[in-house]
Amino acid sequence: MIKILAFSTLFAALASCTGATPQFDSTASNISSSVGSMCTAAAAAATPCVTDADCSGTPLPHCTRSWNHDLEWAVGSGFGHCVDPTGVVSSGSAIQADLCALPDPVIRGRGVPYKLPPGGALLLSDLDADGVGLLIARRVILDGSGAVLYFDPDEIDVAVKLRVHPDTNDDPNTHAAESTLRDLSIVPTDRTSSNDAVGILVQAARVGLENIRVQHFGDCIRAEGIAPEQTNSNFQFWSRLYVGNCWSNGIIMTGSDVQEGLIEQVHFSGGAGAIEDAEAGNVWVAPSTELASPHSLVLQGGSGSTVVGMALETGDPAPVGTLSSTWLGGGAIRLLDGVESRVGPARSRLTFRTSLGNVDAASVNIPGQGRWSAFQFRHDEDCDAGTCSEWRLRYDTSGSHWFLDDTSTVGEPRPLDWISPP
């Protein structure tokens, strides 16, 4: 049974530790025990800093308010906690306490900005034994400023979690929907042993991930569309991600409500690639792999995703599509495995579905006059000493008919044996 933490208790705990007035939303009494206990534990463990110099001479020598003076008008002069940007002492309680005390985002705003120490190495830990390192449960713009977040994979199950609580999912001020994480790296302290931990867990809609590096987790980035804790995880916007050495999945998007998003310029290096099992699918722009294993990009179920310009290093596993997906251009299209529609260099296929009995529902105009052709075909068994013939589909205007032309004898169509399927 979920216990509800009284707002007055949470208010008092934070006020006593920070010296500031916490700016929780008026519906904060509905925050679940998991969020409340995280905030309470963080406030109790963190060292407050009323002024920037309060932390000097301590194991946590810097105050987070040094990089967040622009929040003073909203949270008061007592905002901030002591952190160690060298990563020797855990700064998890300080960062979490700050996030819990942030003010509500302005109506129709994009979130409250919060900055980490520029270029810092921040060690974060599990504060309340729930397996989560850093919990984001309201709309924020977390600016990493080039910092690295370190977590112990033996202690935590999820490094950074963005979530929506079911009791407050009708109020955008009380969940992580539309939050943005940018300009930071997330890695475990042990990067040699395999683990089952998750680097970033997204359980909220319209989340932005920008210029982020995630490495050495079981699932480096995981987005869930069906769970009791959130409405959906649709409309993700992820850009410029480096995802490497992930043991199970670099990215996994699962559930009927993880769709209609844009994932662009994600690079998978030295580990698992991506698996997407979304109903309507997403748009992937310029994904790339390098030494990927055991998979590169795999679309499953009814995914109707569009993949544009995927690059695949030689020897990496072939990407896999679905009947409803469309792949456009890119070197990986030559190795694509599936029944999807594809348009690209020397490897093109269009899939048409018509209504029952309506055989005239689709027509195609194919340029193929003269020497040039929009479509080329090749069969791996049609090879001689490693050289395979490329057959071009072309149209003979003089004879008013289509023919396949072997590229080795341009202008002199080679006869084909046409065999009807059984």
Protein backbone atom coordinates (compact mmCIF):
# COMPACT_ATOMS: atom_id res chain seq x y z
CA MET A 1 0.00 0.00 0.00
CA ILE A 2 1.39 3.41 -0.97
CA LYS A 3 1.71 5.83 1.92
CA ILE A 4 1.12 9.53 1.33
CA LEU A 5 3.64 11.91 2.89
CA ALA A 6 1.96 14.93 4.41
CA PHE A 7 2.98 18.19 2.77
CA SER A 8 3.58 19.83 6.13
CA THR A 9 6.16 17.17 7.03
CA LEU A 10 8.00 17.56 3.74
CA PHE A 11 7.82 21.36 4.01
CA ALA A 12 9.32 21.35 7.48
CA ALA A 13 12.09 18.92 6.58
CA LEU A 14 13.24 20.99 3.64
CA ALA A 15 12.88 24.33 5.40
CA SER A 16 15.00 23.17 8.33
CA CYS A 17 17.80 21.95 6.08
CA THR A 18 18.00 24.70 3.49
CA GLY A 19 16.88 27.79 5.35
CA ALA A 20 14.73 28.58 2.29
CA THR A 21 11.02 28.33 1.66
CA PRO A 22 10.38 25.30 -0.55
CA GLN A 23 8.31 26.23 -3.58
CA PHE A 24 6.26 23.03 -3.99
CA ASP A 25 3.13 23.06 -6.07
CA SER A 26 -0.14 23.35 -4.16
CA THR A 27 -0.88 19.72 -5.05
CA ALA A 28 2.32 18.50 -3.39
CA SER A 29 0.28 16.58 -0.79
CA ASN A 30 -0.45 14.12 -3.60
CA ILE A 31 3.22 13.35 -4.20
CA SER A 32 3.77 9.64 -3.67
CA SER A 33 5.89 8.19 -0.91
CA SER A 34 8.68 7.42 -3.39
CA VAL A 35 9.07 11.10 -4.33
CA GLY A 36 8.51 12.36 -0.80
CA SER A 37 10.98 9.97 0.78
CA MET A 38 13.63 10.87 -1.79
CA CYS A 39 13.21 14.59 -1.06
CA THR A 40 13.17 14.05 2.71
CA ALA A 41 16.28 11.86 2.62
CA ALA A 42 18.10 14.35 0.40
CA ALA A 43 17.25 17.32 2.61
CA ALA A 44 18.34 15.47 5.74
CA ALA A 45 21.69 14.40 4.27
CA ALA A 46 22.62 17.54 2.32
CA THR A 47 24.76 20.34 3.76
CA PRO A 48 23.04 23.70 3.17
CA CYS A 49 24.99 26.77 2.11
CA VAL A 50 23.40 30.14 2.78
CA THR A 51 26.28 31.92 1.05
CA ASP A 52 28.67 30.79 -1.67
CA ALA A 53 31.58 30.66 0.78
CA ASP A 54 29.83 28.51 3.40
CA CYS A 55 31.24 25.29 1.93
CA SER A 56 34.91 26.30 1.94
CA GLY A 57 37.13 24.07 4.05
CA THR A 58 34.67 21.14 4.02
CA PRO A 59 34.78 17.83 2.10
CA LEU A 60 32.11 19.43 -0.10
CA PRO A 61 33.87 22.71 -0.95
CA HIS A 62 31.50 24.31 -3.46
CA CYS A 63 27.94 25.60 -3.21
CA THR A 64 25.43 24.83 -5.97
CA ARG A 65 24.05 28.35 -5.66
CA SER A 66 27.30 29.55 -7.29
CA TRP A 67 25.91 28.40 -10.64
CA ASN A 68 22.25 29.16 -9.92
CA HIS A 69 22.10 32.78 -8.75
CA ASP A 70 19.34 33.42 -11.26
CA LEU A 71 16.97 31.38 -9.03
CA GLU A 72 17.29 33.72 -6.03
CA TRP A 73 14.18 35.70 -6.86
CA ALA A 74 12.09 32.53 -6.79
CA VAL A 75 13.62 30.47 -3.96
CA GLY A 76 15.31 33.04 -1.76
CA SER A 77 18.91 33.65 -0.75
CA GLY A 78 19.21 30.36 1.15
CA PHE A 79 18.98 28.13 -1.91
CA GLY A 80 21.81 25.69 -2.52
CA HIS A 81 23.83 22.86 -0.97
CA CYS A 82 27.48 21.89 -0.74
CA VAL A 83 28.92 19.62 -3.44
CA ASP A 84 32.24 18.05 -4.33
CA PRO A 85 32.85 18.56 -8.09
CA THR A 86 35.89 16.26 -7.95
CA GLY A 87 33.76 13.15 -7.36
CA VAL A 88 35.49 11.98 -4.17
CA VAL A 89 32.51 12.61 -1.85
CA SER A 90 28.91 11.95 -2.93
CA SER A 91 26.99 15.03 -4.04
CA GLY A 92 23.75 13.15 -4.61
CA SER A 93 21.87 14.55 -1.63
CA ALA A 94 22.79 18.13 -2.58
CA ILE A 95 21.63 17.80 -6.20
CA GLN A 96 18.42 15.99 -5.24
CA ALA A 97 17.58 18.47 -2.46
CA ASP A 98 18.02 21.34 -4.92
CA LEU A 99 15.73 19.69 -7.48
CA CYS A 100 13.09 19.07 -4.82
CA ALA A 101 13.18 22.73 -3.76
CA LEU A 102 12.89 24.25 -7.22
CA PRO A 103 9.92 26.56 -7.82
CA ASP A 104 7.03 25.67 -10.07
CA PRO A 105 7.58 26.32 -13.76
CA VAL A 106 5.84 29.36 -15.13
CA ILE A 107 2.55 28.61 -16.84
CA ARG A 108 3.23 27.42 -20.41
CA GLY A 109 6.95 27.62 -19.64
CA ARG A 110 9.50 25.03 -20.69
CA GLY A 111 10.73 24.25 -17.18
CA VAL A 112 12.83 25.65 -14.36
CA PRO A 113 16.57 25.85 -15.24
CA TYR A 114 19.09 24.22 -12.92
CA LYS A 115 22.83 24.09 -13.59
CA LEU A 116 25.38 21.55 -12.44
CA PRO A 117 28.99 22.56 -11.65
CA PRO A 118 30.66 23.21 -15.03
CA GLY A 119 32.90 20.32 -16.01
CA GLY A 120 32.42 18.69 -12.62
CA ALA A 121 32.65 15.00 -11.70
CA LEU A 122 29.68 14.33 -9.41
CA LEU A 123 29.28 11.10 -7.46
CA LEU A 124 25.62 10.33 -6.78
CA SER A 125 24.19 7.55 -4.60
CA ASP A 126 20.88 5.96 -3.61
CA LEU A 127 19.44 8.17 -0.87
CA ASP A 128 16.38 6.21 0.24
CA ALA A 129 17.12 2.62 -0.85
CA ASP A 130 14.63 2.73 -3.73
CA GLY A 131 17.25 1.92 -6.35
CA VAL A 132 17.10 5.38 -7.99
CA GLY A 133 20.11 7.70 -8.03
CA LEU A 134 18.52 10.97 -9.19
CA LEU A 135 14.76 11.48 -9.46
CA ILE A 136 13.23 14.20 -11.64
CA ALA A 137 9.53 14.47 -10.86
CA ARG A 138 8.75 17.96 -12.12
CA ARG A 139 9.45 19.99 -15.25
CA VAL A 140 13.07 21.16 -15.20
CA ILE A 141 15.86 22.10 -17.60
CA LEU A 142 18.85 20.24 -16.18
CA ASP A 143 21.94 21.86 -17.68
CA GLY A 144 24.90 19.57 -17.13
CA SER A 145 27.44 22.20 -18.26
CA GLY A 146 29.74 19.37 -19.36
CA ALA A 147 29.59 17.53 -16.01
CA VAL A 148 29.78 13.76 -15.49
CA LEU A 149 27.37 11.94 -13.15
CA TYR A 150 28.84 8.77 -11.59
CA PHE A 151 26.76 6.00 -10.02
CA ASP A 152 27.58 2.69 -8.35
CA PRO A 153 25.75 0.00 -10.39
CA ASP A 154 25.77 -2.35 -7.39
CA GLU A 155 23.84 0.21 -5.37
CA ILE A 156 21.38 1.64 -7.89
CA ASP A 157 19.00 0.19 -10.48
CA VAL A 158 18.32 3.47 -12.29
CA ALA A 159 20.82 6.33 -12.47
CA VAL A 160 18.45 9.13 -13.60
CA LYS A 161 14.68 8.68 -13.64
CA LEU A 162 12.15 11.07 -15.19
CA ARG A 163 8.67 10.15 -14.13
CA VAL A 164 5.00 11.12 -13.85
CA HIS A 165 3.04 10.26 -10.74
CA PRO A 166 -0.49 8.93 -11.47
CA ASP A 167 -2.19 11.11 -8.85
CA THR A 168 -0.77 14.29 -10.38
CA ASN A 169 -0.53 13.50 -14.09
CA ASP A 170 -3.17 16.11 -14.90
CA ASP A 171 -0.95 18.89 -13.53
CA PRO A 172 2.14 19.66 -15.65
CA ASN A 173 3.86 21.29 -12.66
CA THR A 174 4.09 18.03 -10.72
CA HIS A 175 5.76 15.69 -13.18
CA ALA A 176 8.73 15.48 -15.52
CA ALA A 177 6.87 15.82 -18.82
CA GLU A 178 8.54 18.38 -21.13
CA SER A 179 11.74 18.33 -19.06
CA THR A 180 15.12 18.70 -20.77
CA LEU A 181 18.48 17.11 -19.91
CA ARG A 182 21.46 18.43 -21.80
CA ASP A 183 25.24 18.66 -21.97
CA LEU A 184 26.19 15.91 -19.51
CA SER A 185 27.54 12.37 -19.26
CA ILE A 186 26.18 9.50 -17.16
CA VAL A 187 28.43 6.53 -16.37
CA PRO A 188 28.82 3.91 -13.61
CA THR A 189 31.81 3.90 -11.30
CA ASP A 190 32.66 0.35 -12.45
CA ARG A 191 32.97 0.35 -16.23
CA THR A 192 34.54 -3.10 -16.64
CA SER A 193 31.87 -5.45 -15.22
CA SER A 194 28.45 -6.00 -16.77
CA ASN A 195 25.37 -4.77 -14.89
CA ASP A 196 21.58 -4.61 -15.26
CA ALA A 197 21.23 -0.95 -14.29
CA VAL A 198 19.52 1.70 -16.42
CA GLY A 199 21.32 4.94 -17.25
CA ILE A 200 18.28 7.11 -18.04
CA LEU A 201 14.72 5.87 -17.49
CA VAL A 202 12.04 8.00 -19.18
CA GLN A 203 8.48 7.62 -17.93
CA ALA A 204 7.14 10.97 -19.11
CA ALA A 205 6.05 12.54 -22.39
CA ARG A 206 7.85 15.18 -24.46
CA VAL A 207 11.24 14.77 -22.77
CA GLY A 208 14.27 16.35 -24.43
CA LEU A 209 17.71 14.71 -24.26
CA GLU A 210 20.37 16.86 -25.91
CA ASN A 211 24.13 16.33 -26.23
CA ILE A 212 24.27 13.48 -23.71
CA ARG A 213 26.75 10.62 -23.31
CA VAL A 214 25.59 7.41 -21.58
CA GLN A 215 27.88 4.38 -21.28
CA HIS A 216 28.37 1.01 -19.58
CA PHE A 217 24.83 0.35 -18.33
CA GLY A 218 22.60 -2.67 -18.98
CA ASP A 219 20.06 -0.42 -20.73
CA CYS A 220 21.75 2.93 -21.33
CA ILE A 221 18.49 4.74 -22.17
CA ARG A 222 15.07 3.19 -21.61
CA ALA A 223 11.68 4.78 -22.43
CA GLU A 224 8.54 3.02 -21.21
CA GLY A 225 5.08 3.68 -22.58
CA ILE A 226 3.07 1.36 -20.36
CA ALA A 227 3.59 1.48 -16.62
CA PRO A 228 1.37 2.34 -13.66
CA GLU A 229 3.47 5.42 -12.89
CA GLN A 230 2.86 7.54 -15.99
CA THR A 231 0.34 8.36 -18.70
CA ASN A 232 2.61 7.96 -21.73
CA SER A 233 6.10 8.61 -23.05
CA ASN A 234 5.13 9.92 -26.48
CA PHE A 235 6.74 12.78 -28.41
CA GLN A 236 10.32 12.31 -27.23
CA PHE A 237 12.92 14.65 -28.73
CA TRP A 238 16.45 13.29 -28.47
CA SER A 239 19.41 14.78 -30.27
CA ARG A 240 23.21 14.27 -30.42
CA LEU A 241 23.51 11.24 -28.16
CA TYR A 242 26.61 9.11 -27.69
CA VAL A 243 25.55 5.69 -26.40
CA GLY A 244 28.36 3.22 -25.85
CA ASN A 245 29.31 -0.12 -24.34
CA CYS A 246 25.76 -0.91 -23.28
CA TRP A 247 25.35 -4.52 -22.17
CA SER A 248 21.72 -5.19 -23.19
CA ASN A 249 20.42 -2.15 -25.10
CA GLY A 250 21.82 1.21 -26.04
CA ILE A 251 18.27 2.49 -26.39
CA ILE A 252 15.08 0.54 -25.79
CA MET A 253 11.64 2.04 -26.44
CA THR A 254 8.84 -0.27 -25.40
CA GLY A 255 5.07 0.02 -25.07
CA SER A 256 2.18 1.34 -27.11
CA ASP A 257 2.75 4.91 -25.91
CA VAL A 258 6.38 5.54 -26.85
CA GLN A 259 5.80 6.93 -30.31
CA GLU A 260 5.66 10.00 -32.55
CA GLY A 261 9.05 11.18 -31.34
CA LEU A 262 12.24 12.33 -33.07
CA ILE A 263 15.60 10.68 -32.40
CA GLU A 264 18.42 12.28 -34.36
CA GLN A 265 22.18 11.82 -34.56
CA VAL A 266 22.54 9.02 -32.03
CA HIS A 267 25.80 7.06 -32.25
CA PHE A 268 26.06 3.55 -30.82
CA SER A 269 29.62 2.47 -30.08
CA GLY A 270 31.08 -0.77 -28.80
CA GLY A 271 27.90 -2.41 -27.48
CA ALA A 272 24.22 -3.01 -28.09
CA GLY A 273 22.26 -0.71 -30.41
CA ALA A 274 18.56 0.11 -30.22
CA ILE A 275 15.32 -1.86 -30.01
CA GLU A 276 12.05 -0.07 -30.67
CA ASP A 277 8.68 -1.72 -30.13
CA ALA A 278 6.31 1.21 -30.54
CA GLU A 279 2.91 1.02 -32.19
CA ALA A 280 3.00 4.07 -34.49
CA GLY A 281 6.76 4.36 -34.43
CA ASN A 282 9.17 7.29 -34.35
CA VAL A 283 11.46 9.12 -36.75
CA TRP A 284 15.14 8.20 -36.59
CA VAL A 285 17.48 10.62 -38.39
CA ALA A 286 21.12 9.71 -39.08
CA PRO A 287 21.64 6.97 -36.50
CA SER A 288 25.06 5.30 -36.72
CA THR A 289 26.84 2.29 -35.24
CA GLU A 290 30.45 1.36 -34.59
CA LEU A 291 31.38 -2.16 -33.39
CA ALA A 292 27.76 -2.73 -32.37
CA SER A 293 26.84 -6.06 -30.76
CA PRO A 294 24.57 -8.01 -30.56
CA HIS A 295 22.23 -5.73 -32.57
CA SER A 296 22.25 -2.36 -34.32
CA LEU A 297 18.74 -0.93 -34.87
CA VAL A 298 15.85 -3.37 -34.55
CA LEU A 299 12.22 -2.37 -35.11
CA GLN A 300 9.69 -4.82 -33.71
CA GLY A 301 5.96 -5.42 -33.52
CA GLY A 302 3.87 -2.96 -35.48
CA SER A 303 6.45 -0.20 -35.49
CA GLY A 304 5.71 2.28 -38.27
CA SER A 305 8.96 4.18 -37.82
CA THR A 306 10.82 6.09 -40.50
CA VAL A 307 14.60 5.73 -40.57
CA VAL A 308 16.58 8.28 -42.57
CA GLY A 309 20.25 7.99 -43.51
CA MET A 310 21.47 5.26 -41.17
CA ALA A 311 25.21 4.53 -41.24
CA LEU A 312 26.52 1.08 -40.34
CA GLU A 313 30.17 0.18 -39.85
CA THR A 314 31.38 -2.83 -41.81
CA GLY A 315 30.76 -6.02 -39.85
CA ASP A 316 28.06 -4.60 -37.60
CA PRO A 317 24.74 -6.52 -37.36
CA ALA A 318 22.21 -5.71 -40.07
CA PRO A 319 19.34 -3.43 -39.03
CA VAL A 320 15.87 -5.00 -38.94
CA GLY A 321 12.66 -3.33 -40.12
CA THR A 322 8.95 -4.10 -40.04
CA LEU A 323 6.25 -4.17 -42.69
CA SER A 324 5.01 -0.75 -41.57
CA SER A 325 8.42 0.94 -41.42
CA THR A 326 10.10 3.04 -44.11
CA TRP A 327 13.85 3.41 -44.62
CA LEU A 328 15.35 6.19 -46.70
CA GLY A 329 18.94 6.33 -47.88
CA GLY A 330 22.11 5.71 -45.91
CA GLY A 331 24.71 2.99 -46.23
CA ALA A 332 22.90 0.62 -43.86
CA ILE A 333 20.02 0.20 -46.30
CA ARG A 334 22.13 -2.20 -48.34
CA LEU A 335 22.18 -4.67 -45.45
CA LEU A 336 18.64 -4.15 -44.20
CA ASP A 337 16.87 -7.31 -43.09
CA GLY A 338 13.07 -7.25 -43.22
CA VAL A 339 9.96 -6.61 -45.33
CA GLU A 340 9.87 -2.84 -44.91
CA SER A 341 9.59 -0.20 -47.61
CA ARG A 342 12.98 1.18 -48.60
CA VAL A 343 14.36 3.76 -51.00
CA GLY A 344 18.09 4.03 -51.41
CA PRO A 345 21.19 3.43 -53.53
CA ALA A 346 20.89 0.13 -55.40
CA ARG A 347 18.44 -1.21 -52.83
CA SER A 348 14.84 -0.10 -53.27
CA ARG A 349 11.53 -1.68 -52.46
CA LEU A 350 8.04 -0.28 -52.05
CA THR A 351 5.33 -2.19 -50.20
CA PHE A 352 1.67 -1.54 -51.07
CA ARG A 353 -1.40 -2.70 -49.23
CA THR A 354 -4.79 -2.46 -50.93
CA SER A 355 -8.36 -2.95 -49.82
CA LEU A 356 -9.77 -6.43 -50.26
CA GLY A 357 -10.71 -6.91 -53.91
CA ASN A 358 -9.42 -3.50 -55.00
CA VAL A 359 -6.52 -4.41 -57.27
CA ASP A 360 -6.27 -0.93 -58.83
CA ALA A 361 -5.67 0.95 -55.58
CA ALA A 362 -2.02 1.74 -56.28
CA SER A 363 -0.02 2.90 -59.27
CA VAL A 364 3.66 3.85 -59.51
CA ASN A 365 5.59 6.13 -61.86
CA ILE A 366 9.15 4.80 -62.21
CA PRO A 367 11.78 6.87 -64.06
CA GLY A 368 13.89 4.54 -66.16
CA GLN A 369 14.24 6.03 -69.62
CA GLY A 370 17.52 5.87 -71.50
CA ARG A 371 20.64 4.93 -69.58
CA TRP A 372 19.45 5.81 -66.09
CA SER A 373 17.23 3.86 -63.72
CA ALA A 374 15.66 4.55 -60.35
CA PHE A 375 15.74 0.87 -59.36
CA GLN A 376 18.51 -1.69 -59.40
CA PHE A 377 18.31 -5.32 -58.38
CA ARG A 378 20.86 -7.89 -57.39
CA HIS A 379 20.76 -11.50 -56.28
CA ASP A 380 23.70 -12.87 -54.34
CA GLU A 381 23.67 -16.06 -56.44
CA ASP A 382 24.10 -14.06 -59.65
CA CYS A 383 27.82 -13.58 -59.08
CA ASP A 384 30.98 -14.58 -60.91
CA ALA A 385 34.32 -14.64 -59.04
CA GLY A 386 32.96 -12.28 -56.42
CA THR A 387 31.54 -9.80 -58.93
CA CYS A 388 27.76 -9.60 -58.81
CA SER A 389 25.58 -8.26 -61.60
CA GLU A 390 23.40 -5.25 -60.94
CA TRP A 391 20.17 -5.30 -62.94
CA ARG A 392 18.58 -1.97 -63.83
CA LEU A 393 14.88 -1.62 -64.45
CA ARG A 394 14.61 0.51 -67.61
CA TYR A 395 12.05 1.43 -70.22
CA ASP A 396 12.59 1.00 -73.95
CA THR A 397 10.75 3.88 -75.60
CA SER A 398 11.22 2.45 -79.09
CA GLY A 399 9.73 -0.91 -78.18
CA SER A 400 7.37 0.47 -75.51
CA HIS A 401 8.26 -2.12 -72.93
CA TRP A 402 10.15 -2.53 -69.65
CA PHE A 403 13.29 -4.66 -69.36
CA LEU A 404 16.07 -5.52 -66.92
CA ASP A 405 19.53 -4.54 -68.10
CA ASP A 406 22.71 -6.11 -66.74
CA THR A 407 25.17 -3.34 -65.82
CA SER A 408 27.99 -5.31 -67.43
CA THR A 409 26.36 -4.91 -70.85
CA VAL A 410 24.85 -1.42 -70.79
CA GLY A 411 22.60 -0.89 -73.77
CA GLU A 412 22.49 -4.59 -74.63
CA PRO A 413 19.80 -6.18 -72.48
CA ARG A 414 20.74 -9.64 -71.31
CA PRO A 415 17.87 -12.16 -71.57
CA LEU A 416 16.26 -13.35 -68.36
CA ASP A 417 14.38 -16.52 -67.50
CA TRP A 418 11.14 -15.47 -65.88
CA ILE A 419 9.75 -18.09 -63.47
CA SER A 420 6.22 -17.71 -62.14
CA PRO A 421 5.78 -18.35 -58.41
CA PRO A 422 3.94 -21.55 -57.50
